[in-house]
N, C-alpha and C. Protein backbone atom coordinates (compact mmCIF):
# COMPACT_ATOMS: atom_id res chain seq x y z
N MET A 1 151.40 281.71 84.82
CA MET A 1 150.18 282.33 85.31
C MET A 1 149.65 283.38 84.33
N ASP A 2 150.44 283.71 83.32
CA ASP A 2 149.98 284.68 82.33
C ASP A 2 148.77 284.18 81.55
N ILE A 3 148.64 282.86 81.46
CA ILE A 3 147.52 282.29 80.71
C ILE A 3 146.18 282.66 81.34
N PHE A 4 146.16 282.89 82.65
CA PHE A 4 144.91 283.23 83.33
C PHE A 4 144.49 284.67 83.09
N LYS A 5 145.29 285.43 82.39
CA LYS A 5 144.89 286.79 82.01
C LYS A 5 144.00 286.78 80.78
N ASN A 6 144.00 285.65 80.06
CA ASN A 6 143.15 285.49 78.88
C ASN A 6 141.75 285.09 79.35
N ARG A 7 140.78 285.98 79.12
CA ARG A 7 139.41 285.75 79.61
C ARG A 7 138.78 284.52 79.01
N ASN A 8 139.02 284.25 77.73
CA ASN A 8 138.43 283.07 77.10
C ASN A 8 138.97 281.79 77.73
N PHE A 9 140.27 281.77 78.01
CA PHE A 9 140.84 280.59 78.66
C PHE A 9 140.26 280.40 80.05
N VAL A 10 140.13 281.47 80.79
CA VAL A 10 139.59 281.37 82.16
C VAL A 10 138.17 280.84 82.12
N ARG A 11 137.38 281.31 81.20
CA ARG A 11 135.99 280.82 81.08
C ARG A 11 135.98 279.34 80.72
N LEU A 12 136.80 278.95 79.76
CA LEU A 12 136.87 277.55 79.36
C LEU A 12 137.37 276.69 80.51
N PHE A 13 138.38 277.17 81.23
CA PHE A 13 138.94 276.43 82.35
C PHE A 13 137.89 276.18 83.42
N PHE A 14 137.17 277.22 83.81
CA PHE A 14 136.17 277.06 84.87
C PHE A 14 134.94 276.28 84.39
N ALA A 15 134.62 276.37 83.11
CA ALA A 15 133.52 275.55 82.57
C ALA A 15 133.90 274.07 82.60
N ALA A 16 135.13 273.76 82.22
CA ALA A 16 135.58 272.36 82.27
C ALA A 16 135.66 271.87 83.70
N LEU A 17 136.13 272.72 84.62
CA LEU A 17 136.19 272.35 86.03
C LEU A 17 134.79 272.07 86.59
N ALA A 18 133.84 272.94 86.27
CA ALA A 18 132.46 272.73 86.74
C ALA A 18 131.87 271.46 86.14
N SER A 19 132.17 271.19 84.89
CA SER A 19 131.66 269.98 84.25
C SER A 19 132.23 268.73 84.91
N GLN A 20 133.52 268.73 85.17
CA GLN A 20 134.14 267.57 85.83
C GLN A 20 133.60 267.38 87.24
N MET A 21 133.42 268.47 87.95
CA MET A 21 132.88 268.38 89.31
C MET A 21 131.45 267.85 89.28
N GLY A 22 130.66 268.31 88.32
CA GLY A 22 129.29 267.82 88.19
C GLY A 22 129.24 266.35 87.86
N THR A 23 130.12 265.89 86.99
CA THR A 23 130.18 264.48 86.65
C THR A 23 130.58 263.65 87.86
N THR A 24 131.57 264.12 88.60
CA THR A 24 132.03 263.39 89.78
C THR A 24 130.94 263.32 90.84
N VAL A 25 130.29 264.44 91.11
CA VAL A 25 129.22 264.46 92.11
C VAL A 25 128.05 263.58 91.66
N GLY A 26 127.72 263.63 90.39
CA GLY A 26 126.65 262.79 89.87
C GLY A 26 126.96 261.31 89.99
N ASN A 27 128.19 260.94 89.66
CA ASN A 27 128.58 259.53 89.78
C ASN A 27 128.56 259.06 91.23
N MET A 28 129.03 259.92 92.13
CA MET A 28 129.02 259.55 93.55
C MET A 28 127.58 259.45 94.06
N ALA A 29 126.72 260.36 93.64
CA ALA A 29 125.32 260.30 94.05
C ALA A 29 124.67 259.02 93.55
N PHE A 30 124.98 258.64 92.33
CA PHE A 30 124.45 257.41 91.76
C PHE A 30 124.94 256.20 92.56
N ALA A 31 126.22 256.19 92.90
CA ALA A 31 126.77 255.08 93.68
C ALA A 31 126.11 255.00 95.07
N PHE A 32 125.96 256.14 95.73
CA PHE A 32 125.32 256.12 97.05
C PHE A 32 123.85 255.73 96.96
N TYR A 33 123.19 256.15 95.89
CA TYR A 33 121.80 255.75 95.69
C TYR A 33 121.70 254.23 95.55
N LEU A 34 122.60 253.66 94.74
CA LEU A 34 122.58 252.21 94.55
C LEU A 34 122.86 251.48 95.86
N LEU A 35 123.84 251.98 96.60
CA LEU A 35 124.16 251.33 97.87
C LEU A 35 123.01 251.45 98.87
N ASP A 36 122.32 252.58 98.85
CA ASP A 36 121.19 252.75 99.75
C ASP A 36 120.00 251.89 99.33
N HIS A 37 119.77 251.87 98.04
CA HIS A 37 118.60 251.16 97.51
C HIS A 37 118.79 249.64 97.53
N PHE A 38 120.02 249.19 97.28
CA PHE A 38 120.29 247.76 97.20
C PHE A 38 121.25 247.30 98.30
N SER A 39 121.13 247.87 99.49
CA SER A 39 122.06 247.51 100.57
C SER A 39 121.89 246.06 101.00
N HIS A 40 120.71 245.51 100.81
CA HIS A 40 120.49 244.11 101.18
C HIS A 40 121.08 243.15 100.15
N GLN A 41 121.34 243.65 98.92
CA GLN A 41 121.96 242.83 97.87
C GLN A 41 123.07 243.65 97.19
N PRO A 42 124.27 243.68 97.79
CA PRO A 42 125.34 244.51 97.24
C PRO A 42 125.81 244.07 95.86
N ALA A 43 125.50 242.84 95.48
CA ALA A 43 125.89 242.39 94.13
C ALA A 43 125.18 243.21 93.07
N TYR A 44 123.94 243.62 93.32
CA TYR A 44 123.21 244.45 92.36
C TYR A 44 123.88 245.81 92.19
N ALA A 45 124.31 246.39 93.29
CA ALA A 45 125.00 247.68 93.21
C ALA A 45 126.30 247.54 92.45
N THR A 46 127.03 246.46 92.70
CA THR A 46 128.28 246.22 91.99
C THR A 46 128.04 246.01 90.51
N LEU A 47 127.03 245.23 90.19
CA LEU A 47 126.69 245.00 88.77
C LEU A 47 126.31 246.29 88.07
N ALA A 48 125.53 247.11 88.71
CA ALA A 48 125.13 248.38 88.11
C ALA A 48 126.34 249.28 87.87
N GLU A 49 127.26 249.34 88.82
CA GLU A 49 128.47 250.15 88.64
C GLU A 49 129.32 249.61 87.50
N LEU A 50 129.43 248.30 87.40
CA LEU A 50 130.19 247.70 86.30
C LEU A 50 129.55 248.01 84.95
N MET A 51 128.24 247.90 84.88
CA MET A 51 127.55 248.20 83.62
C MET A 51 127.71 249.67 83.25
N TYR A 52 127.85 250.50 84.26
CA TYR A 52 128.01 251.94 84.04
C TYR A 52 129.42 252.28 83.54
N SER A 53 130.43 251.53 84.00
CA SER A 53 131.81 251.88 83.67
C SER A 53 132.46 251.00 82.61
N LEU A 54 131.96 249.82 82.35
CA LEU A 54 132.59 248.94 81.38
C LEU A 54 132.64 249.50 79.96
N PRO A 55 131.61 250.17 79.46
CA PRO A 55 131.73 250.73 78.11
C PRO A 55 132.88 251.72 77.99
N THR A 56 133.11 252.51 79.00
CA THR A 56 134.21 253.47 78.96
C THR A 56 135.55 252.75 78.93
N ILE A 57 135.70 251.73 79.76
CA ILE A 57 136.95 250.97 79.79
C ILE A 57 137.19 250.30 78.45
N PHE A 58 136.14 249.72 77.86
CA PHE A 58 136.27 249.05 76.57
C PHE A 58 136.71 250.03 75.49
N VAL A 59 136.11 251.22 75.49
CA VAL A 59 136.48 252.23 74.49
C VAL A 59 137.94 252.64 74.66
N PHE A 60 138.41 252.81 75.90
CA PHE A 60 139.80 253.18 76.13
C PHE A 60 140.75 252.11 75.58
N PHE A 61 140.42 250.84 75.77
CA PHE A 61 141.27 249.79 75.24
C PHE A 61 141.29 249.81 73.72
N MET A 62 140.15 250.02 73.10
CA MET A 62 140.09 250.04 71.63
C MET A 62 140.85 251.24 71.07
N VAL A 63 140.68 252.39 71.68
CA VAL A 63 141.38 253.59 71.22
C VAL A 63 142.88 253.42 71.41
N GLY A 64 143.30 252.78 72.48
CA GLY A 64 144.72 252.53 72.70
C GLY A 64 145.32 251.65 71.62
N VAL A 65 144.59 250.62 71.21
CA VAL A 65 145.07 249.74 70.14
C VAL A 65 145.18 250.52 68.84
N VAL A 66 144.18 251.32 68.53
CA VAL A 66 144.20 252.11 67.29
C VAL A 66 145.33 253.13 67.33
N ALA A 67 145.52 253.78 68.46
CA ALA A 67 146.59 254.79 68.57
C ALA A 67 147.96 254.16 68.43
N ASP A 68 148.12 252.94 68.90
CA ASP A 68 149.42 252.27 68.77
C ASP A 68 149.74 251.92 67.32
N ARG A 69 148.75 251.85 66.47
CA ARG A 69 148.98 251.50 65.07
C ARG A 69 149.48 252.69 64.23
N PHE A 70 149.32 253.90 64.74
CA PHE A 70 149.77 255.08 64.00
C PHE A 70 151.27 255.24 64.13
N ASP A 71 151.90 255.67 63.03
CA ASP A 71 153.33 255.97 63.04
C ASP A 71 153.50 257.41 63.49
N ARG A 72 154.03 257.62 64.68
CA ARG A 72 154.14 258.97 65.23
C ARG A 72 155.15 259.82 64.46
N LYS A 73 156.21 259.22 63.97
CA LYS A 73 157.20 259.97 63.21
C LYS A 73 156.60 260.49 61.92
N LYS A 74 155.81 259.68 61.26
CA LYS A 74 155.17 260.09 60.01
C LYS A 74 154.15 261.20 60.27
N SER A 75 153.42 261.11 61.36
CA SER A 75 152.42 262.12 61.69
C SER A 75 153.06 263.47 61.96
N ARG A 76 154.22 263.49 62.60
CA ARG A 76 154.88 264.76 62.90
C ARG A 76 155.37 265.45 61.64
N ARG A 77 155.86 264.69 60.67
CA ARG A 77 156.37 265.29 59.43
C ARG A 77 155.27 265.95 58.64
N GLU A 78 154.05 265.41 58.72
CA GLU A 78 152.95 265.99 57.96
C GLU A 78 152.46 267.29 58.56
N LEU A 79 152.68 267.47 59.86
CA LEU A 79 152.24 268.72 60.50
C LEU A 79 153.20 269.79 60.10
């Protein structure tokens, strides 16, 4: 708990928390908007959500492949 005595850390912590909360609320609002707007055709809402999240999933897979190619033992020695 000593880390919370550092004012810069506390500011950064709460800024990151507010950013994550804003992203989550925004995503949920977008999902509810789609469900409200396209309730008669739920496939459109599903497609929109997939188009919204697929680029992130693709990037995670690519970064995972690249990260697996690095030699962790070699990286530690250089630090």
